[in-house]
Amino acid sequence: MDYQLPFILYDSECQLCVRFKQGLEMLDKNHQLHFYPLQDAKVFTQFPFLDPQKVEQKVHLVTTEQKVLEGGEVVEYLLKMIPGVEKFSWLLDNNVSKKTMGFFYDTVDFLRKNTHSCNSCSKDKK
């Protein structure tokens, strides 16, 4: 398979992750972003710098330059990339805003791990 950049790795066994992916697909009117399930072992062969265990713990995005973004960095990247949302990217130009993006991601991740009950998410609790 030829993987296209940029892409997000998502957990295809987690309904919350699948719905997040579907929401992003609807917002990405220009189809700039690609999605691959973290269960696809071939992606880790083609991109050996990705750590499968880290990818299971936190959302990962690989940019067109093959830079790996994690967690809140992904939220920041998406805000700048998705048409209609990029006009708010100026809000991210300072450290307080970047910390806010990290906090937003951490809060959603906490809810995913502690209030969501799919098998994939419950593995994170261990």
C-alpha atoms as a PDB file:
ATOM      1  CA  MET A   1       0.000   0.000   0.000  1.00  0.00           C
ATOM      2  CA  ASP A   2       1.186   3.484  -0.809  1.00  0.00           C
ATOM      3  CA  TYR A   3       0.544   5.689   2.215  1.00  0.00           C
ATOM      4  CA  GLN A   4      -0.241   9.306   1.472  1.00  0.00           C
ATOM      5  CA  LEU A   5       0.929  12.182   3.636  1.00  0.00           C
ATOM      6  CA  PRO A   6      -0.164  13.828   5.850  1.00  0.00           C
ATOM      7  CA  PHE A   7      -1.956  11.113   7.768  1.00  0.00           C
ATOM      8  CA  ILE A   8      -3.429  10.365  11.157  1.00  0.00           C
ATOM      9  CA  LEU A   9      -3.195   6.963  12.760  1.00  0.00           C
ATOM     10  CA  TYR A  10      -6.412   6.046  14.550  1.00  0.00           C
ATOM     11  CA  ASP A  11      -7.685   3.048  16.464  1.00  0.00           C
ATOM     12  CA  SER A  12     -10.227   1.328  14.213  1.00  0.00           C
ATOM     13  CA  GLU A  13     -11.385  -0.801  17.163  1.00  0.00           C
ATOM     14  CA  CYS A  14     -12.354   2.247  19.246  1.00  0.00           C
ATOM     15  CA  GLN A  15     -15.756   3.723  18.404  1.00  0.00           C
ATOM     16  CA  LEU A  16     -14.751   7.117  19.849  1.00  0.00           C
ATOM     17  CA  CYS A  17     -11.637   7.200  17.640  1.00  0.00           C
ATOM     18  CA  VAL A  18     -13.639   6.152  14.571  1.00  0.00           C
ATOM     19  CA  ARG A  19     -16.174   8.921  15.194  1.00  0.00           C
ATOM     20  CA  PHE A  20     -13.353  11.464  15.642  1.00  0.00           C
ATOM     21  CA  LYS A  21     -11.935  10.307  12.277  1.00  0.00           C
ATOM     22  CA  GLN A  22     -15.347  10.595  10.614  1.00  0.00           C
ATOM     23  CA  GLY A  23     -15.784  14.107  11.993  1.00  0.00           C
ATOM     24  CA  LEU A  24     -12.410  15.185  10.655  1.00  0.00           C
ATOM     25  CA  GLU A  25     -13.212  13.678   7.260  1.00  0.00           C
ATOM     26  CA  MET A  26     -16.380  15.797   7.096  1.00  0.00           C
ATOM     27  CA  LEU A  27     -14.456  18.968   8.000  1.00  0.00           C
ATOM     28  CA  ASP A  28     -11.631  18.257   5.544  1.00  0.00           C
ATOM     29  CA  LYS A  29     -13.505  19.374   2.428  1.00  0.00           C
ATOM     30  CA  ASN A  30     -10.308  19.407   0.330  1.00  0.00           C
ATOM     31  CA  HIS A  31      -9.360  15.846   1.340  1.00  0.00           C
ATOM     32  CA  GLN A  32      -5.876  16.883   2.434  1.00  0.00           C
ATOM     33  CA  LEU A  33      -5.693  14.450   5.328  1.00  0.00           C
ATOM     34  CA  HIS A  34      -5.484  10.660   5.173  1.00  0.00           C
ATOM     35  CA  PHE A  35      -6.360   8.129   7.856  1.00  0.00           C
ATOM     36  CA  TYR A  36      -4.858   4.724   8.540  1.00  0.00           C
ATOM     37  CA  PRO A  37      -5.751   2.327  11.338  1.00  0.00           C
ATOM     38  CA  LEU A  38      -3.006   1.670  13.868  1.00  0.00           C
ATOM     39  CA  GLN A  39      -3.883  -2.014  13.433  1.00  0.00           C
ATOM     40  CA  ASP A  40      -2.279  -1.861   9.951  1.00  0.00           C
ATOM     41  CA  ALA A  41       1.194  -3.285  10.700  1.00  0.00           C
ATOM     42  CA  LYS A  42       2.450  -2.269   7.249  1.00  0.00           C
ATOM     43  CA  VAL A  43       2.337   1.413   8.188  1.00  0.00           C
ATOM     44  CA  PHE A  44       4.997   0.713  10.844  1.00  0.00           C
ATOM     45  CA  THR A  45       7.131  -1.078   8.249  1.00  0.00           C
ATOM     46  CA  GLN A  46       6.964   1.831   5.832  1.00  0.00           C
ATOM     47  CA  PHE A  47       7.478   4.389   8.625  1.00  0.00           C
ATOM     48  CA  PRO A  48       9.828   2.624  11.073  1.00  0.00           C
ATOM     49  CA  PHE A  49      10.284   5.805  13.114  1.00  0.00           C
ATOM     50  CA  LEU A  50       6.729   5.326  14.447  1.00  0.00           C
ATOM     51  CA  ASP A  51       6.515   3.461  17.746  1.00  0.00           C
ATOM     52  CA  PRO A  52       3.397   1.220  17.771  1.00  0.00           C
ATOM     53  CA  GLN A  53       3.125   1.364  21.565  1.00  0.00           C
ATOM     54  CA  LYS A  54       3.216   5.179  21.619  1.00  0.00           C
ATOM     55  CA  VAL A  55       0.688   5.340  18.796  1.00  0.00           C
ATOM     56  CA  GLU A  56      -1.715   3.232  20.880  1.00  0.00           C
ATOM     57  CA  GLN A  57      -1.453   5.703  23.754  1.00  0.00           C
ATOM     58  CA  LYS A  58      -1.818   9.033  21.943  1.00  0.00           C
ATOM     59  CA  VAL A  59      -3.036  10.290  18.564  1.00  0.00           C
ATOM     60  CA  HIS A  60      -0.207  10.633  16.009  1.00  0.00           C
ATOM     61  CA  LEU A  61      -0.066  12.602  12.771  1.00  0.00           C
ATOM     62  CA  VAL A  62       2.714  12.361  10.185  1.00  0.00           C
ATOM     63  CA  THR A  63       3.130  15.563   8.155  1.00  0.00           C
ATOM     64  CA  THR A  64       4.082  15.844   4.495  1.00  0.00           C
ATOM     65  CA  GLU A  65       7.661  16.365   5.706  1.00  0.00           C
ATOM     66  CA  GLN A  66       7.370  13.106   7.710  1.00  0.00           C
ATOM     67  CA  LYS A  67       7.500  14.994  10.997  1.00  0.00           C
ATOM     68  CA  VAL A  68       5.626  13.145  13.744  1.00  0.00           C
ATOM     69  CA  LEU A  69       3.142  15.152  15.825  1.00  0.00           C
ATOM     70  CA  GLU A  70       1.474  13.817  18.977  1.00  0.00           C
ATOM     71  CA  GLY A  71      -1.472  14.792  21.173  1.00  0.00           C
ATOM     72  CA  GLY A  72      -2.020  18.550  21.394  1.00  0.00           C
ATOM     73  CA  GLU A  73       0.388  19.146  18.507  1.00  0.00           C
ATOM     74  CA  VAL A  74      -2.086  17.287  16.278  1.00  0.00           C
ATOM     75  CA  VAL A  75      -4.926  19.581  17.391  1.00  0.00           C
ATOM     76  CA  GLU A  76      -2.794  22.634  16.608  1.00  0.00           C
ATOM     77  CA  TYR A  77      -1.825  21.260  13.175  1.00  0.00           C
ATOM     78  CA  LEU A  78      -5.453  20.482  12.323  1.00  0.00           C
ATOM     79  CA  LEU A  79      -6.594  23.978  13.320  1.00  0.00           C
ATOM     80  CA  LYS A  80      -4.106  25.456  10.876  1.00  0.00           C
ATOM     81  CA  MET A  81      -4.842  22.963   8.101  1.00  0.00           C
ATOM     82  CA  ILE A  82      -8.600  22.589   7.840  1.00  0.00           C
ATOM     83  CA  PRO A  83     -10.295  25.266   5.685  1.00  0.00           C
ATOM     84  CA  GLY A  84     -12.620  27.501   7.646  1.00  0.00           C
ATOM     85  CA  VAL A  85     -10.725  26.809  10.842  1.00  0.00           C
ATOM     86  CA  GLU A  86      -7.338  28.140   9.735  1.00  0.00           C
ATOM     87  CA  LYS A  87      -8.568  31.724  10.107  1.00  0.00           C
ATOM     88  CA  PHE A  88      -8.383  31.102  13.861  1.00  0.00           C
ATOM     89  CA  SER A  89      -4.796  29.841  13.703  1.00  0.00           C
ATOM     90  CA  TRP A  90      -3.523  33.249  14.872  1.00  0.00           C
ATOM     91  CA  LEU A  91      -4.894  32.247  18.271  1.00  0.00           C
ATOM     92  CA  LEU A  92      -2.106  29.651  18.462  1.00  0.00           C
ATOM     93  CA  ASP A  93       0.752  32.108  18.067  1.00  0.00           C
ATOM     94  CA  ASN A  94       1.685  32.207  21.747  1.00  0.00           C
ATOM     95  CA  ASN A  95       2.651  29.740  24.468  1.00  0.00           C
ATOM     96  CA  VAL A  96      -0.615  30.112  26.405  1.00  0.00           C
ATOM     97  CA  SER A  97      -2.608  29.002  23.372  1.00  0.00           C
ATOM     98  CA  LYS A  98      -0.298  26.050  22.782  1.00  0.00           C
ATOM     99  CA  LYS A  99      -0.737  24.994  26.403  1.00  0.00           C
ATOM    100  CA  THR A 100      -4.505  25.302  25.909  1.00  0.00           C
ATOM    101  CA  MET A 101      -4.350  22.915  22.936  1.00  0.00           C
ATOM    102  CA  GLY A 102      -2.355  20.476  25.064  1.00  0.00           C
ATOM    103  CA  PHE A 103      -4.874  20.804  27.886  1.00  0.00           C
ATOM    104  CA  PHE A 104      -7.774  20.267  25.457  1.00  0.00           C
ATOM    105  CA  TYR A 105      -6.176  17.106  24.102  1.00  0.00           C
ATOM    106  CA  ASP A 106      -5.273  15.810  27.574  1.00  0.00           C
ATOM    107  CA  THR A 107      -8.854  16.343  28.771  1.00  0.00           C
ATOM    108  CA  VAL A 108     -10.329  14.456  25.813  1.00  0.00           C
ATOM    109  CA  ASP A 109      -7.727  11.705  26.274  1.00  0.00           C
ATOM    110  CA  PHE A 110      -8.614  11.439  29.982  1.00  0.00           C
ATOM    111  CA  LEU A 111     -12.295  11.071  29.101  1.00  0.00           C
ATOM    112  CA  ARG A 112     -11.455   8.481  26.440  1.00  0.00           C
ATOM    113  CA  LYS A 113      -9.504   6.376  28.914  1.00  0.00           C
ATOM    114  CA  ASN A 114     -11.768   6.750  31.939  1.00  0.00           C
ATOM    115  CA  THR A 115     -15.333   6.992  30.697  1.00  0.00           C
ATOM    116  CA  HIS A 116     -15.154   5.034  27.466  1.00  0.00           C
ATOM    117  CA  SER A 117     -15.352   1.255  27.579  1.00  0.00           C
ATOM    118  CA  CYS A 118     -14.030  -0.227  24.348  1.00  0.00           C
ATOM    119  CA  ASN A 119     -11.309  -2.871  24.571  1.00  0.00           C
ATOM    120  CA  SER A 120      -8.654  -0.650  23.035  1.00  0.00           C
ATOM    121  CA  CYS A 121      -9.202   2.212  25.465  1.00  0.00           C
ATOM    122  CA  SER A 122      -9.369  -0.039  28.503  1.00  0.00           C
ATOM    123  CA  LYS A 123      -5.917  -1.414  27.595  1.00  0.00           C
ATOM    124  CA  ASP A 124      -4.561   2.109  28.272  1.00  0.00           C
ATOM    125  CA  LYS A 125      -5.722   1.963  31.908  1.00  0.00           C
ATOM    126  CA  LYS A 126      -3.296  -0.814  32.767  1.00  0.00           C
END
